[in-house]
Amino acid sequence: MALSFHFTFTAPATKSAAELEAFLKIVEKEAKHLGFNPTLVLNAAFDTNERREFARLLTTGQRIESEKLKGVVLIKEGQVFSHDPVHGDCRLIPEQGVFLTVTDERKKEIIFGFLRYPKNLLDANSKKLLDTEVGGDWRYRDSVNSPDPRYRSIVKMFSKAGYLAESMDEYTR
């Protein structure tokens, strides 16, 4: 079992993608100063199958659970990565993402940023199945298996901006 540095970022729905992108451009500048190269800030809508597959590379999706998802439920295509009808849960595909990718000297990429998930889960006929309770706000959760202080410097920038919801550093326990 490897040690990890876990972090969760959130931003209110009132923050626009452009505002978050501007913040991440500032973080990117610091990441370059810290020696990460290459870096990339991207503001992407996950509105096609190809883009949703790209989103799958970024996240396993936001897990939701509901009795309404048990049994035979036809969910609108493009909203979930997976659906477990026995347990009544699924993994939502984000609708949009604004994120920074940094690459270290060993070519390992780490993502920092924000994803927005749908407010409602729809059935195959686009009728509302349920309120996801995670839609609207921006959120992102990830971890890095490294004691490198540069990652902590980046997360500290999110904290100073009010975007750090939680973190746990197993290297300092």
C-alpha atoms as a PDB file:
ATOM      1  CA  MET A   1       0.000   0.000   0.000  1.00  0.00           C
ATOM      2  CA  ALA A   2       1.440   3.354  -1.058  1.00  0.00           C
ATOM      3  CA  LEU A   3       1.177   6.561   0.867  1.00  0.00           C
ATOM      4  CA  SER A   4      -0.908   9.289  -0.780  1.00  0.00           C
ATOM      5  CA  PHE A   5      -1.700  12.960  -0.591  1.00  0.00           C
ATOM      6  CA  HIS A   6      -5.479  13.274  -1.048  1.00  0.00           C
ATOM      7  CA  PHE A   7      -7.290  16.491  -1.931  1.00  0.00           C
ATOM      8  CA  THR A   8     -10.802  17.632  -2.744  1.00  0.00           C
ATOM      9  CA  PHE A   9     -11.571  20.949  -4.418  1.00  0.00           C
ATOM     10  CA  THR A  10     -14.969  22.627  -4.618  1.00  0.00           C
ATOM     11  CA  ALA A  11     -16.303  25.870  -6.023  1.00  0.00           C
ATOM     12  CA  PRO A  12     -19.856  27.197  -5.963  1.00  0.00           C
ATOM     13  CA  ALA A  13     -22.086  27.017  -9.023  1.00  0.00           C
ATOM     14  CA  THR A  14     -21.927  30.816  -9.173  1.00  0.00           C
ATOM     15  CA  LYS A  15     -18.303  30.582 -10.300  1.00  0.00           C
ATOM     16  CA  SER A  16     -18.074  30.573 -14.066  1.00  0.00           C
ATOM     17  CA  ALA A  17     -15.786  28.279 -15.989  1.00  0.00           C
ATOM     18  CA  ALA A  18     -13.936  31.382 -17.184  1.00  0.00           C
ATOM     19  CA  GLU A  19     -13.266  32.489 -13.576  1.00  0.00           C
ATOM     20  CA  LEU A  20     -11.947  29.052 -12.664  1.00  0.00           C
ATOM     21  CA  GLU A  21      -9.839  28.974 -15.818  1.00  0.00           C
ATOM     22  CA  ALA A  22      -8.304  32.347 -14.897  1.00  0.00           C
ATOM     23  CA  PHE A  23      -7.453  31.016 -11.430  1.00  0.00           C
ATOM     24  CA  LEU A  24      -5.891  27.877 -12.908  1.00  0.00           C
ATOM     25  CA  LYS A  25      -3.776  30.001 -15.275  1.00  0.00           C
ATOM     26  CA  ILE A  26      -2.275  31.647 -12.160  1.00  0.00           C
ATOM     27  CA  VAL A  27      -1.659  28.223 -10.622  1.00  0.00           C
ATOM     28  CA  GLU A  28      -0.135  27.054 -13.911  1.00  0.00           C
ATOM     29  CA  LYS A  29       2.351  29.914 -13.837  1.00  0.00           C
ATOM     30  CA  GLU A  30       3.460  28.838 -10.343  1.00  0.00           C
ATOM     31  CA  ALA A  31       3.590  25.172 -11.425  1.00  0.00           C
ATOM     32  CA  LYS A  32       5.972  26.118 -14.238  1.00  0.00           C
ATOM     33  CA  HIS A  33       8.054  28.101 -11.748  1.00  0.00           C
ATOM     34  CA  LEU A  34       8.174  24.960  -9.558  1.00  0.00           C
ATOM     35  CA  GLY A  35       9.620  22.987 -12.480  1.00  0.00           C
ATOM     36  CA  PHE A  36       6.592  21.156 -13.901  1.00  0.00           C
ATOM     37  CA  ASN A  37       6.772  20.898 -17.668  1.00  0.00           C
ATOM     38  CA  PRO A  38       4.703  20.635 -19.721  1.00  0.00           C
ATOM     39  CA  THR A  39       1.577  22.097 -18.168  1.00  0.00           C
ATOM     40  CA  LEU A  40      -1.855  22.656 -19.667  1.00  0.00           C
ATOM     41  CA  VAL A  41      -5.012  24.461 -18.587  1.00  0.00           C
ATOM     42  CA  LEU A  42      -8.127  23.204 -20.338  1.00  0.00           C
ATOM     43  CA  ASN A  43     -11.772  24.258 -20.198  1.00  0.00           C
ATOM     44  CA  ALA A  44     -13.764  21.429 -21.776  1.00  0.00           C
ATOM     45  CA  ALA A  45     -17.386  20.487 -22.263  1.00  0.00           C
ATOM     46  CA  PHE A  46     -17.940  16.733 -22.208  1.00  0.00           C
ATOM     47  CA  ASP A  47     -20.708  16.844 -24.782  1.00  0.00           C
ATOM     48  CA  THR A  48     -19.712  14.132 -27.268  1.00  0.00           C
ATOM     49  CA  ASN A  49     -18.869  10.456 -26.878  1.00  0.00           C
ATOM     50  CA  GLU A  50     -15.201  11.154 -27.582  1.00  0.00           C
ATOM     51  CA  ARG A  51     -15.095  13.925 -24.978  1.00  0.00           C
ATOM     52  CA  ARG A  52     -16.933  11.754 -22.436  1.00  0.00           C
ATOM     53  CA  GLU A  53     -14.281   9.080 -22.950  1.00  0.00           C
ATOM     54  CA  PHE A  54     -11.685  11.757 -22.246  1.00  0.00           C
ATOM     55  CA  ALA A  55     -13.593  12.598 -19.038  1.00  0.00           C
ATOM     56  CA  ARG A  56     -13.305   8.944 -18.063  1.00  0.00           C
ATOM     57  CA  LEU A  57      -9.520   9.393 -18.075  1.00  0.00           C
ATOM     58  CA  LEU A  58      -9.881  12.264 -15.603  1.00  0.00           C
ATOM     59  CA  THR A  59     -12.289  10.702 -13.119  1.00  0.00           C
ATOM     60  CA  THR A  60     -14.217   7.604 -12.195  1.00  0.00           C
ATOM     61  CA  GLY A  61     -17.262   9.850 -11.986  1.00  0.00           C
ATOM     62  CA  GLN A  62     -19.353  11.098  -9.118  1.00  0.00           C
ATOM     63  CA  ARG A  63     -21.074   8.184  -7.361  1.00  0.00           C
ATOM     64  CA  ILE A  64     -24.757   8.531  -6.573  1.00  0.00           C
ATOM     65  CA  GLU A  65     -27.094   6.011  -5.001  1.00  0.00           C
ATOM     66  CA  SER A  66     -30.882   5.908  -5.049  1.00  0.00           C
ATOM     67  CA  GLU A  67     -33.733   3.441  -4.771  1.00  0.00           C
ATOM     68  CA  LYS A  68     -34.917   4.911  -8.094  1.00  0.00           C
ATOM     69  CA  LEU A  69     -31.871   3.364  -9.783  1.00  0.00           C
ATOM     70  CA  LYS A  70     -32.668  -0.185  -8.675  1.00  0.00           C
ATOM     71  CA  GLY A  71     -34.065  -2.689 -11.144  1.00  0.00           C
ATOM     72  CA  VAL A  72     -34.603  -2.078 -14.826  1.00  0.00           C
ATOM     73  CA  VAL A  73     -33.886   1.609 -15.360  1.00  0.00           C
ATOM     74  CA  LEU A  74     -32.976   3.010 -18.755  1.00  0.00           C
ATOM     75  CA  ILE A  75     -30.720   6.009 -18.195  1.00  0.00           C
ATOM     76  CA  LYS A  76     -30.199   8.563 -20.944  1.00  0.00           C
ATOM     77  CA  GLU A  77     -27.078   7.749 -22.926  1.00  0.00           C
ATOM     78  CA  GLY A  78     -24.030   9.816 -22.064  1.00  0.00           C
ATOM     79  CA  GLN A  79     -24.896  10.562 -18.428  1.00  0.00           C
ATOM     80  CA  VAL A  80     -23.247   7.682 -16.585  1.00  0.00           C
ATOM     81  CA  PHE A  81     -20.092   5.575 -16.805  1.00  0.00           C
ATOM     82  CA  SER A  82     -21.689   2.641 -15.054  1.00  0.00           C
ATOM     83  CA  HIS A  83     -24.994   1.630 -13.498  1.00  0.00           C
ATOM     84  CA  ASP A  84     -25.507  -1.107 -10.922  1.00  0.00           C
ATOM     85  CA  PRO A  85     -29.240  -1.927 -10.922  1.00  0.00           C
ATOM     86  CA  VAL A  86     -28.877  -4.353  -7.987  1.00  0.00           C
ATOM     87  CA  HIS A  87     -27.429  -1.806  -5.570  1.00  0.00           C
ATOM     88  CA  GLY A  88     -29.089   1.217  -7.201  1.00  0.00           C
ATOM     89  CA  ASP A  89     -25.988   3.251  -7.850  1.00  0.00           C
ATOM     90  CA  CYS A  90     -24.149   4.757 -10.776  1.00  0.00           C
ATOM     91  CA  ARG A  91     -21.169   6.919 -11.682  1.00  0.00           C
ATOM     92  CA  LEU A  92     -22.092  10.240 -13.255  1.00  0.00           C
ATOM     93  CA  ILE A  93     -20.149  11.622 -16.190  1.00  0.00           C
ATOM     94  CA  PRO A  94     -19.194  15.271 -15.677  1.00  0.00           C
ATOM     95  CA  GLU A  95     -20.736  17.779 -18.065  1.00  0.00           C
ATOM     96  CA  GLN A  96     -17.831  20.195 -17.974  1.00  0.00           C
ATOM     97  CA  GLY A  97     -14.318  20.417 -16.605  1.00  0.00           C
ATOM     98  CA  VAL A  98     -11.779  23.147 -16.010  1.00  0.00           C
ATOM     99  CA  PHE A  99      -8.437  21.704 -15.032  1.00  0.00           C
ATOM    100  CA  LEU A 100      -4.682  22.032 -14.925  1.00  0.00           C
ATOM    101  CA  THR A 101      -2.425  19.148 -15.890  1.00  0.00           C
ATOM    102  CA  VAL A 102       1.142  19.245 -14.596  1.00  0.00           C
ATOM    103  CA  THR A 103       3.904  16.865 -15.640  1.00  0.00           C
ATOM    104  CA  ASP A 104       6.913  16.054 -13.482  1.00  0.00           C
ATOM    105  CA  GLU A 105      10.426  15.040 -14.524  1.00  0.00           C
ATOM    106  CA  ARG A 106       9.419  11.375 -14.751  1.00  0.00           C
ATOM    107  CA  LYS A 107       6.577  12.291 -17.159  1.00  0.00           C
ATOM    108  CA  LYS A 108       3.920  11.580 -14.512  1.00  0.00           C
ATOM    109  CA  GLU A 109       0.822  13.730 -15.040  1.00  0.00           C
ATOM    110  CA  ILE A 110      -1.332  14.981 -12.184  1.00  0.00           C
ATOM    111  CA  ILE A 111      -4.608  16.846 -12.594  1.00  0.00           C
ATOM    112  CA  PHE A 112      -5.888  19.694 -10.446  1.00  0.00           C
ATOM    113  CA  GLY A 113      -9.188  21.372 -11.186  1.00  0.00           C
ATOM    114  CA  PHE A 114     -12.939  21.301 -11.164  1.00  0.00           C
ATOM    115  CA  LEU A 115     -15.682  19.189 -12.702  1.00  0.00           C
ATOM    116  CA  ARG A 116     -19.383  20.004 -12.948  1.00  0.00           C
ATOM    117  CA  TYR A 117     -21.910  17.178 -12.906  1.00  0.00           C
ATOM    118  CA  PRO A 118     -25.525  17.153 -14.145  1.00  0.00           C
ATOM    119  CA  LYS A 119     -28.237  18.404 -11.781  1.00  0.00           C
ATOM    120  CA  ASN A 120     -30.657  15.722 -12.900  1.00  0.00           C
ATOM    121  CA  LEU A 121     -30.366  12.154 -14.066  1.00  0.00           C
ATOM    122  CA  LEU A 122     -32.678  11.530 -17.004  1.00  0.00           C
ATOM    123  CA  ASP A 123     -34.256   8.387 -18.374  1.00  0.00           C
ATOM    124  CA  ALA A 124     -33.967   7.267 -22.003  1.00  0.00           C
ATOM    125  CA  ASN A 125     -36.903   9.568 -22.903  1.00  0.00           C
ATOM    126  CA  SER A 126     -35.202  12.592 -21.245  1.00  0.00           C
ATOM    127  CA  LYS A 127     -37.660  12.519 -18.334  1.00  0.00           C
ATOM    128  CA  LYS A 128     -36.199  13.410 -14.942  1.00  0.00           C
ATOM    129  CA  LEU A 129     -35.417  10.301 -12.882  1.00  0.00           C
ATOM    130  CA  LEU A 130     -33.908  12.069  -9.887  1.00  0.00           C
ATOM    131  CA  ASP A 131     -32.039  15.096  -8.618  1.00  0.00           C
ATOM    132  CA  THR A 132     -28.370  14.109  -8.386  1.00  0.00           C
ATOM    133  CA  GLU A 133     -27.730  16.448  -5.419  1.00  0.00           C
ATOM    134  CA  VAL A 134     -24.222  17.056  -6.834  1.00  0.00           C
ATOM    135  CA  GLY A 135     -25.090  19.078  -9.916  1.00  0.00           C
ATOM    136  CA  GLY A 136     -24.266  22.709 -10.365  1.00  0.00           C
ATOM    137  CA  ASP A 137     -21.343  23.067  -7.987  1.00  0.00           C
ATOM    138  CA  TRP A 138     -17.822  22.374  -9.157  1.00  0.00           C
ATOM    139  CA  ARG A 139     -15.861  19.559  -7.485  1.00  0.00           C
ATOM    140  CA  TYR A 140     -12.779  17.449  -7.985  1.00  0.00           C
ATOM    141  CA  ARG A 141     -11.174  14.742  -5.866  1.00  0.00           C
ATOM    142  CA  ASP A 142      -7.843  13.060  -6.497  1.00  0.00           C
ATOM    143  CA  SER A 143      -4.599  11.994  -4.878  1.00  0.00           C
ATOM    144  CA  VAL A 144      -0.931  11.828  -5.693  1.00  0.00           C
ATOM    145  CA  ASN A 145       1.410   9.127  -4.438  1.00  0.00           C
ATOM    146  CA  SER A 146       4.423  11.352  -3.861  1.00  0.00           C
ATOM    147  CA  PRO A 147       6.064  13.227  -0.994  1.00  0.00           C
ATOM    148  CA  ASP A 148       7.086  15.974  -3.470  1.00  0.00           C
ATOM    149  CA  PRO A 149       6.410  19.337  -1.762  1.00  0.00           C
ATOM    150  CA  ARG A 150       5.556  20.965  -5.098  1.00  0.00           C
ATOM    151  CA  TYR A 151       2.182  19.216  -5.146  1.00  0.00           C
ATOM    152  CA  ARG A 152       1.457  20.572  -1.682  1.00  0.00           C
ATOM    153  CA  SER A 153       2.380  24.061  -2.892  1.00  0.00           C
ATOM    154  CA  ILE A 154      -0.198  23.797  -5.652  1.00  0.00           C
ATOM    155  CA  VAL A 155      -2.888  22.521  -3.280  1.00  0.00           C
ATOM    156  CA  LYS A 156      -2.028  25.385  -0.913  1.00  0.00           C
ATOM    157  CA  MET A 157      -2.905  27.839  -3.690  1.00  0.00           C
ATOM    158  CA  PHE A 158      -6.351  26.221  -3.932  1.00  0.00           C
ATOM    159  CA  SER A 159      -6.672  26.521  -0.156  1.00  0.00           C
ATOM    160  CA  LYS A 160      -5.752  30.222  -0.141  1.00  0.00           C
ATOM    161  CA  ALA A 161      -8.349  30.837  -2.865  1.00  0.00           C
ATOM    162  CA  GLY A 162     -11.024  29.071  -0.798  1.00  0.00           C
ATOM    163  CA  TYR A 163     -11.336  26.035  -3.078  1.00  0.00           C
ATOM    164  CA  LEU A 164      -9.849  23.323  -0.845  1.00  0.00           C
ATOM    165  CA  ALA A 165     -12.677  21.321   0.732  1.00  0.00           C
ATOM    166  CA  GLU A 166     -10.449  18.733   2.372  1.00  0.00           C
ATOM    167  CA  SER A 167      -7.031  17.154   2.223  1.00  0.00           C
ATOM    168  CA  MET A 168      -5.200  14.330   3.911  1.00  0.00           C
ATOM    169  CA  ASP A 169      -1.458  13.899   3.670  1.00  0.00           C
ATOM    170  CA  GLU A 170      -0.457  10.374   4.660  1.00  0.00           C
ATOM    171  CA  TYR A 171       3.208  11.381   4.424  1.00  0.00           C
ATOM    172  CA  THR A 172       2.910  13.705   7.422  1.00  0.00           C
ATOM    173  CA  ARG A 173       0.836  11.473   9.716  1.00  0.00           C
END
